[in-house]
């Protein structure tokens, strides 16, 4: 009977350790997801800014030589 109790105790300890590990991994994943979302948002803003600047450069008058050339 003592062996069964020891075995059950070891299994319970292992289960508790695994549950703690899963919770820590879940927390880390949630934190990394926040970072990914922040980076995605920043990339979207930079892309919009780049496209806007590119559009403005296309609308700008062409570079011409000054009359004294």
C-alpha atoms as a PDB file:
ATOM      1  CA  UNK A   1       0.000   0.000   0.000  1.00  0.00           C
ATOM      2  CA  UNK A   2       2.879   2.355   0.795  1.00  0.00           C
ATOM      3  CA  UNK A   3       4.236   1.984  -2.757  1.00  0.00           C
ATOM      4  CA  UNK A   4       0.871   2.978  -4.199  1.00  0.00           C
ATOM      5  CA  UNK A   5       0.691   6.048  -1.967  1.00  0.00           C
ATOM      6  CA  UNK A   6       4.233   7.062  -2.972  1.00  0.00           C
ATOM      7  CA  UNK A   7       3.379   6.533  -6.621  1.00  0.00           C
ATOM      8  CA  UNK A   8       0.208   8.626  -6.323  1.00  0.00           C
ATOM      9  CA  UNK A   9       2.132  11.338  -4.473  1.00  0.00           C
ATOM     10  CA  UNK A  10       4.797  11.438  -7.216  1.00  0.00           C
ATOM     11  CA  UNK A  11       2.102  11.620  -9.890  1.00  0.00           C
ATOM     12  CA  UNK A  12       0.351  14.464  -8.058  1.00  0.00           C
ATOM     13  CA  UNK A  13       3.650  16.344  -7.740  1.00  0.00           C
ATOM     14  CA  UNK A  14       4.381  15.815 -11.422  1.00  0.00           C
ATOM     15  CA  UNK A  15       0.895  17.001 -12.351  1.00  0.00           C
ATOM     16  CA  UNK A  16       1.263  20.130 -10.198  1.00  0.00           C
ATOM     17  CA  UNK A  17       4.655  20.884 -11.782  1.00  0.00           C
ATOM     18  CA  UNK A  18       3.265  20.416 -15.293  1.00  0.00           C
ATOM     19  CA  UNK A  19       0.252  22.606 -14.529  1.00  0.00           C
ATOM     20  CA  UNK A  20       2.592  25.353 -13.272  1.00  0.00           C
ATOM     21  CA  UNK A  21       4.770  25.006 -16.375  1.00  0.00           C
ATOM     22  CA  UNK A  22       1.748  25.231 -18.671  1.00  0.00           C
ATOM     23  CA  UNK A  23       0.550  28.360 -16.876  1.00  0.00           C
ATOM     24  CA  UNK A  24       3.994  29.992 -17.193  1.00  0.00           C
ATOM     25  CA  UNK A  25       4.174  29.117 -20.884  1.00  0.00           C
ATOM     26  CA  UNK A  26       0.698  30.503 -21.413  1.00  0.00           C
ATOM     27  CA  UNK A  27       1.689  33.770 -19.722  1.00  0.00           C
ATOM     28  CA  UNK A  28       4.815  34.025 -21.870  1.00  0.00           C
ATOM     29  CA  UNK A  29       2.819  33.345 -25.015  1.00  0.00           C
ATOM     30  CA  UNK A  30       0.296  36.048 -24.105  1.00  0.00           C
ATOM     31  CA  UNK A  31       3.132  38.539 -23.511  1.00  0.00           C
ATOM     32  CA  UNK A  32       4.780  37.677 -26.815  1.00  0.00           C
ATOM     33  CA  UNK A  33       1.437  38.032 -28.596  1.00  0.00           C
ATOM     34  CA  UNK A  34       1.122  41.573 -27.199  1.00  0.00           C
ATOM     35  CA  UNK A  35       4.570  42.375 -28.597  1.00  0.00           C
ATOM     36  CA  UNK A  36       3.649  40.898 -31.993  1.00  0.00           C
ATOM     37  CA  UNK A  37       0.466  42.988 -32.082  1.00  0.00           C
ATOM     38  CA  UNK A  38       2.407  46.146 -31.182  1.00  0.00           C
ATOM     39  CA  UNK A  39       4.928  45.428 -33.924  1.00  0.00           C
ATOM     40  CA  UNK A  40       2.157  44.728 -36.432  1.00  0.00           C
ATOM     41  CA  UNK A  41       0.495  48.026 -35.558  1.00  0.00           C
ATOM     42  CA  UNK A  42       3.785  49.897 -35.892  1.00  0.00           C
ATOM     43  CA  UNK A  43       4.484  48.200 -39.231  1.00  0.00           C
ATOM     44  CA  UNK A  44       1.016  49.200 -40.481  1.00  0.00           C
ATOM     45  CA  UNK A  45       1.651  52.839 -39.502  1.00  0.00           C
ATOM     46  CA  UNK A  46       5.083  52.842 -41.138  1.00  0.00           C
ATOM     47  CA  UNK A  47       3.657  51.277 -44.295  1.00  0.00           C
ATOM     48  CA  UNK A  48       0.955  53.942 -44.493  1.00  0.00           C
ATOM     49  CA  UNK A  49       3.533  56.677 -43.948  1.00  0.00           C
ATOM     50  CA  UNK A  50       5.831  55.227 -46.605  1.00  0.00           C
ATOM     51  CA  UNK A  51       3.015  54.963 -49.145  1.00  0.00           C
ATOM     52  CA  UNK A  52       1.950  58.514 -48.373  1.00  0.00           C
ATOM     53  CA  UNK A  53       5.494  59.811 -48.862  1.00  0.00           C
ATOM     54  CA  UNK A  54       5.860  57.805 -52.038  1.00  0.00           C
ATOM     55  CA  UNK A  55       2.596  59.253 -53.371  1.00  0.00           C
ATOM     56  CA  UNK A  56       3.741  62.785 -52.508  1.00  0.00           C
ATOM     57  CA  UNK A  57       7.045  62.253 -54.303  1.00  0.00           C
ATOM     58  CA  UNK A  58       5.208  61.128 -57.431  1.00  0.00           C
ATOM     59  CA  UNK A  59       3.037  64.250 -57.343  1.00  0.00           C
ATOM     60  CA  UNK A  60       5.999  66.588 -56.841  1.00  0.00           C
ATOM     61  CA  UNK A  61       7.215  68.486 -59.879  1.00  0.00           C
ATOM     62  CA  UNK A  62      10.157  66.912 -61.624  1.00  0.00           C
ATOM     63  CA  UNK A  63      13.642  68.086 -60.858  1.00  0.00           C
ATOM     64  CA  UNK A  64      14.762  70.475 -63.548  1.00  0.00           C
ATOM     65  CA  UNK A  65      18.057  72.212 -64.102  1.00  0.00           C
ATOM     66  CA  UNK A  66      18.271  75.845 -63.173  1.00  0.00           C
ATOM     67  CA  UNK A  67      18.193  78.213 -66.153  1.00  0.00           C
ATOM     68  CA  UNK A  68      21.923  79.010 -65.943  1.00  0.00           C
ATOM     69  CA  UNK A  69      22.951  75.472 -66.997  1.00  0.00           C
END
